[in-house]
């Protein structure tokens, strides 16, 4: 599969995979100067890139980088960003600081990771009732800790 990618700003750094086994492509901050995210604050960060996913059947998902999230408390504001196959605009990542200390994002820091995956696009069929299961409608802790 080929993924067409375009720089929306010539200074942008193209996404990279850290290892041959990496599922995600690291996304890089396109900033003119460092930006500090205070605890509880959100900052929208440009990446300077846009992608063209194959029509229907694929999407891109923007996830937190595990080290940034667990060590610094920096995560995407929407937890997982979904990039639809027909979106052609710049990929922006809004970061939230859920940590206790200010965090400085520097130009070209790796800020998130993007995973390309197939998606199932079912035809919705409204019914009067659903098949019964042993679990039924038990949720939110109904199966134990």
C-alpha atoms as a PDB file:
ATOM      1  CA  UNK A   1       0.000   0.000   0.000  1.00  0.00           C
ATOM      2  CA  UNK A   2       1.226   3.482  -0.792  1.00  0.00           C
ATOM      3  CA  UNK A   3       0.290   6.498   1.297  1.00  0.00           C
ATOM      4  CA  UNK A   4       0.491   9.824  -0.477  1.00  0.00           C
ATOM      5  CA  UNK A   5       1.721  12.577   1.824  1.00  0.00           C
ATOM      6  CA  UNK A   6       2.195  16.274   1.190  1.00  0.00           C
ATOM      7  CA  UNK A   7       3.995  18.963   3.137  1.00  0.00           C
ATOM      8  CA  UNK A   8       1.646  21.893   3.745  1.00  0.00           C
ATOM      9  CA  UNK A   9       4.705  23.803   4.937  1.00  0.00           C
ATOM     10  CA  UNK A  10       8.167  23.222   3.422  1.00  0.00           C
ATOM     11  CA  UNK A  11       9.732  23.161   6.907  1.00  0.00           C
ATOM     12  CA  UNK A  12       7.664  20.132   7.985  1.00  0.00           C
ATOM     13  CA  UNK A  13       9.337  16.858   8.844  1.00  0.00           C
ATOM     14  CA  UNK A  14       7.750  13.772   7.319  1.00  0.00           C
ATOM     15  CA  UNK A  15       6.487  11.105   9.741  1.00  0.00           C
ATOM     16  CA  UNK A  16       8.907   8.293  10.567  1.00  0.00           C
ATOM     17  CA  UNK A  17       8.750   4.845  12.111  1.00  0.00           C
ATOM     18  CA  UNK A  18      11.187   4.376  14.997  1.00  0.00           C
ATOM     19  CA  UNK A  19      11.815   0.690  14.203  1.00  0.00           C
ATOM     20  CA  UNK A  20      10.905  -1.744  11.439  1.00  0.00           C
ATOM     21  CA  UNK A  21       8.315  -3.227  13.801  1.00  0.00           C
ATOM     22  CA  UNK A  22       6.673   0.084  14.716  1.00  0.00           C
ATOM     23  CA  UNK A  23       2.965   0.159  13.884  1.00  0.00           C
ATOM     24  CA  UNK A  24       2.798   3.943  14.155  1.00  0.00           C
ATOM     25  CA  UNK A  25       4.499   6.800  12.362  1.00  0.00           C
ATOM     26  CA  UNK A  26       5.804   9.507  14.680  1.00  0.00           C
ATOM     27  CA  UNK A  27       4.336  12.948  13.978  1.00  0.00           C
ATOM     28  CA  UNK A  28       6.568  15.989  14.478  1.00  0.00           C
ATOM     29  CA  UNK A  29       5.680  19.407  15.866  1.00  0.00           C
ATOM     30  CA  UNK A  30       5.977  22.227  13.359  1.00  0.00           C
ATOM     31  CA  UNK A  31       6.574  25.247  15.582  1.00  0.00           C
ATOM     32  CA  UNK A  32       8.450  28.522  15.119  1.00  0.00           C
ATOM     33  CA  UNK A  33       9.517  28.477  18.768  1.00  0.00           C
ATOM     34  CA  UNK A  34       9.073  26.230  21.810  1.00  0.00           C
ATOM     35  CA  UNK A  35       5.574  26.181  23.307  1.00  0.00           C
ATOM     36  CA  UNK A  36       4.873  25.496  26.982  1.00  0.00           C
ATOM     37  CA  UNK A  37       1.776  23.520  27.934  1.00  0.00           C
ATOM     38  CA  UNK A  38       0.777  24.243  31.530  1.00  0.00           C
ATOM     39  CA  UNK A  39      -0.952  21.546  33.603  1.00  0.00           C
ATOM     40  CA  UNK A  40      -4.589  21.306  32.510  1.00  0.00           C
ATOM     41  CA  UNK A  41      -3.942  23.356  29.356  1.00  0.00           C
ATOM     42  CA  UNK A  42      -4.519  22.366  25.708  1.00  0.00           C
ATOM     43  CA  UNK A  43      -2.381  23.522  22.788  1.00  0.00           C
ATOM     44  CA  UNK A  44      -3.035  22.852  19.095  1.00  0.00           C
ATOM     45  CA  UNK A  45       0.169  21.852  17.347  1.00  0.00           C
ATOM     46  CA  UNK A  46       0.747  21.928  13.609  1.00  0.00           C
ATOM     47  CA  UNK A  47       2.476  19.037  11.840  1.00  0.00           C
ATOM     48  CA  UNK A  48       2.750  20.669   8.421  1.00  0.00           C
ATOM     49  CA  UNK A  49       1.609  17.528   6.618  1.00  0.00           C
ATOM     50  CA  UNK A  50      -1.537  16.205   4.931  1.00  0.00           C
ATOM     51  CA  UNK A  51      -2.268  12.687   3.711  1.00  0.00           C
ATOM     52  CA  UNK A  52      -4.469  11.023   1.098  1.00  0.00           C
ATOM     53  CA  UNK A  53      -5.775   7.717   2.392  1.00  0.00           C
ATOM     54  CA  UNK A  54      -7.230   5.193  -0.045  1.00  0.00           C
ATOM     55  CA  UNK A  55     -10.976   5.747  -0.526  1.00  0.00           C
ATOM     56  CA  UNK A  56     -13.270   4.065   2.017  1.00  0.00           C
ATOM     57  CA  UNK A  57     -11.997   1.160   4.008  1.00  0.00           C
ATOM     58  CA  UNK A  58      -9.013   2.929   5.640  1.00  0.00           C
ATOM     59  CA  UNK A  59      -8.572   5.552   8.317  1.00  0.00           C
ATOM     60  CA  UNK A  60      -5.654   7.051  10.185  1.00  0.00           C
ATOM     61  CA  UNK A  61      -5.676   7.152  13.965  1.00  0.00           C
ATOM     62  CA  UNK A  62      -3.592   9.602  15.978  1.00  0.00           C
ATOM     63  CA  UNK A  63      -2.547   8.199  19.354  1.00  0.00           C
ATOM     64  CA  UNK A  64      -0.415   9.383  22.239  1.00  0.00           C
ATOM     65  CA  UNK A  65       3.246   8.431  22.238  1.00  0.00           C
ATOM     66  CA  UNK A  66       3.545   6.060  25.179  1.00  0.00           C
ATOM     67  CA  UNK A  67       6.625   7.665  26.749  1.00  0.00           C
ATOM     68  CA  UNK A  68       5.265  11.183  26.422  1.00  0.00           C
ATOM     69  CA  UNK A  69       1.972  10.123  27.998  1.00  0.00           C
ATOM     70  CA  UNK A  70       3.325   8.029  30.867  1.00  0.00           C
ATOM     71  CA  UNK A  71       6.382  10.097  31.746  1.00  0.00           C
ATOM     72  CA  UNK A  72       5.137  13.646  31.047  1.00  0.00           C
ATOM     73  CA  UNK A  73       1.320  13.417  31.026  1.00  0.00           C
ATOM     74  CA  UNK A  74       1.061  14.781  27.465  1.00  0.00           C
ATOM     75  CA  UNK A  75      -1.775  13.216  25.460  1.00  0.00           C
ATOM     76  CA  UNK A  76      -3.972  14.119  22.484  1.00  0.00           C
ATOM     77  CA  UNK A  77      -6.963  16.094  23.795  1.00  0.00           C
ATOM     78  CA  UNK A  78      -9.459  13.797  22.091  1.00  0.00           C
ATOM     79  CA  UNK A  79      -7.571  10.648  23.213  1.00  0.00           C
ATOM     80  CA  UNK A  80      -7.612   9.212  19.688  1.00  0.00           C
ATOM     81  CA  UNK A  81      -7.837  11.413  16.634  1.00  0.00           C
ATOM     82  CA  UNK A  82      -9.614   9.917  13.633  1.00  0.00           C
ATOM     83  CA  UNK A  83      -8.572  10.998  10.146  1.00  0.00           C
ATOM     84  CA  UNK A  84     -11.211   9.994   7.595  1.00  0.00           C
ATOM     85  CA  UNK A  85     -10.303   8.749   4.134  1.00  0.00           C
ATOM     86  CA  UNK A  86     -11.767  11.863   2.477  1.00  0.00           C
ATOM     87  CA  UNK A  87      -9.959  14.449   4.681  1.00  0.00           C
ATOM     88  CA  UNK A  88      -7.200  16.308   2.851  1.00  0.00           C
ATOM     89  CA  UNK A  89      -6.332  19.093   5.299  1.00  0.00           C
ATOM     90  CA  UNK A  90      -3.298  19.500   7.508  1.00  0.00           C
ATOM     91  CA  UNK A  91      -2.998  17.065  10.392  1.00  0.00           C
ATOM     92  CA  UNK A  92      -3.226  19.056  13.622  1.00  0.00           C
ATOM     93  CA  UNK A  93      -2.732  17.543  17.070  1.00  0.00           C
ATOM     94  CA  UNK A  94      -4.254  19.209  20.131  1.00  0.00           C
ATOM     95  CA  UNK A  95      -2.155  18.181  23.112  1.00  0.00           C
ATOM     96  CA  UNK A  96      -3.357  18.249  26.710  1.00  0.00           C
ATOM     97  CA  UNK A  97      -1.113  18.304  29.757  1.00  0.00           C
ATOM     98  CA  UNK A  98      -2.670  15.983  32.345  1.00  0.00           C
ATOM     99  CA  UNK A  99       0.548  16.034  34.360  1.00  0.00           C
ATOM    100  CA  UNK A 100       1.507  18.237  37.290  1.00  0.00           C
ATOM    101  CA  UNK A 101       4.345  20.216  35.687  1.00  0.00           C
ATOM    102  CA  UNK A 102       4.565  22.506  32.663  1.00  0.00           C
ATOM    103  CA  UNK A 103       5.862  20.761  29.548  1.00  0.00           C
ATOM    104  CA  UNK A 104       7.797  22.416  26.737  1.00  0.00           C
ATOM    105  CA  UNK A 105       7.181  21.236  23.188  1.00  0.00           C
ATOM    106  CA  UNK A 106      10.118  22.174  20.981  1.00  0.00           C
ATOM    107  CA  UNK A 107      10.120  22.491  17.191  1.00  0.00           C
ATOM    108  CA  UNK A 108      10.319  19.036  15.579  1.00  0.00           C
ATOM    109  CA  UNK A 109       9.598  17.128  18.804  1.00  0.00           C
ATOM    110  CA  UNK A 110       7.721  13.868  18.235  1.00  0.00           C
ATOM    111  CA  UNK A 111       4.263  14.658  19.611  1.00  0.00           C
ATOM    112  CA  UNK A 112       1.998  11.745  18.638  1.00  0.00           C
ATOM    113  CA  UNK A 113       1.879   8.650  16.499  1.00  0.00           C
ATOM    114  CA  UNK A 114      -0.305   7.924  13.499  1.00  0.00           C
ATOM    115  CA  UNK A 115      -1.510   4.416  12.698  1.00  0.00           C
ATOM    116  CA  UNK A 116      -3.127   3.557   9.355  1.00  0.00           C
ATOM    117  CA  UNK A 117      -5.711   0.779   9.643  1.00  0.00           C
ATOM    118  CA  UNK A 118      -8.550  -0.794   7.699  1.00  0.00           C
ATOM    119  CA  UNK A 119     -12.019  -0.019   8.988  1.00  0.00           C
ATOM    120  CA  UNK A 120     -15.237  -1.967   8.556  1.00  0.00           C
ATOM    121  CA  UNK A 121     -18.055   0.079   7.064  1.00  0.00           C
ATOM    122  CA  UNK A 122     -21.191  -1.992   7.717  1.00  0.00           C
ATOM    123  CA  UNK A 123     -24.655  -1.296   6.415  1.00  0.00           C
ATOM    124  CA  UNK A 124     -26.817  -0.383   9.413  1.00  0.00           C
ATOM    125  CA  UNK A 125     -29.984  -2.428   9.779  1.00  0.00           C
ATOM    126  CA  UNK A 126     -32.522  -1.300  12.365  1.00  0.00           C
ATOM    127  CA  UNK A 127     -34.205  -4.205  14.167  1.00  0.00           C
ATOM    128  CA  UNK A 128     -36.882  -4.550  16.855  1.00  0.00           C
ATOM    129  CA  UNK A 129     -34.694  -6.684  19.160  1.00  0.00           C
ATOM    130  CA  UNK A 130     -31.169  -8.060  19.421  1.00  0.00           C
ATOM    131  CA  UNK A 131     -29.973 -11.648  19.825  1.00  0.00           C
ATOM    132  CA  UNK A 132     -29.704 -12.645  23.499  1.00  0.00           C
ATOM    133  CA  UNK A 133     -26.343 -13.479  25.102  1.00  0.00           C
ATOM    134  CA  UNK A 134     -25.334 -14.788  28.517  1.00  0.00           C
ATOM    135  CA  UNK A 135     -24.022 -11.339  29.417  1.00  0.00           C
ATOM    136  CA  UNK A 136     -27.077  -9.473  28.182  1.00  0.00           C
ATOM    137  CA  UNK A 137     -26.999  -5.743  28.918  1.00  0.00           C
ATOM    138  CA  UNK A 138     -24.570  -5.989  31.861  1.00  0.00           C
ATOM    139  CA  UNK A 139     -21.835  -3.408  31.500  1.00  0.00           C
ATOM    140  CA  UNK A 140     -19.601  -1.019  33.418  1.00  0.00           C
ATOM    141  CA  UNK A 141     -18.016  -3.535  35.755  1.00  0.00           C
ATOM    142  CA  UNK A 142     -20.688  -6.229  35.574  1.00  0.00           C
ATOM    143  CA  UNK A 143     -18.099  -8.944  34.823  1.00  0.00           C
ATOM    144  CA  UNK A 144     -15.955  -8.176  37.887  1.00  0.00           C
ATOM    145  CA  UNK A 145     -12.874  -6.109  38.584  1.00  0.00           C
END
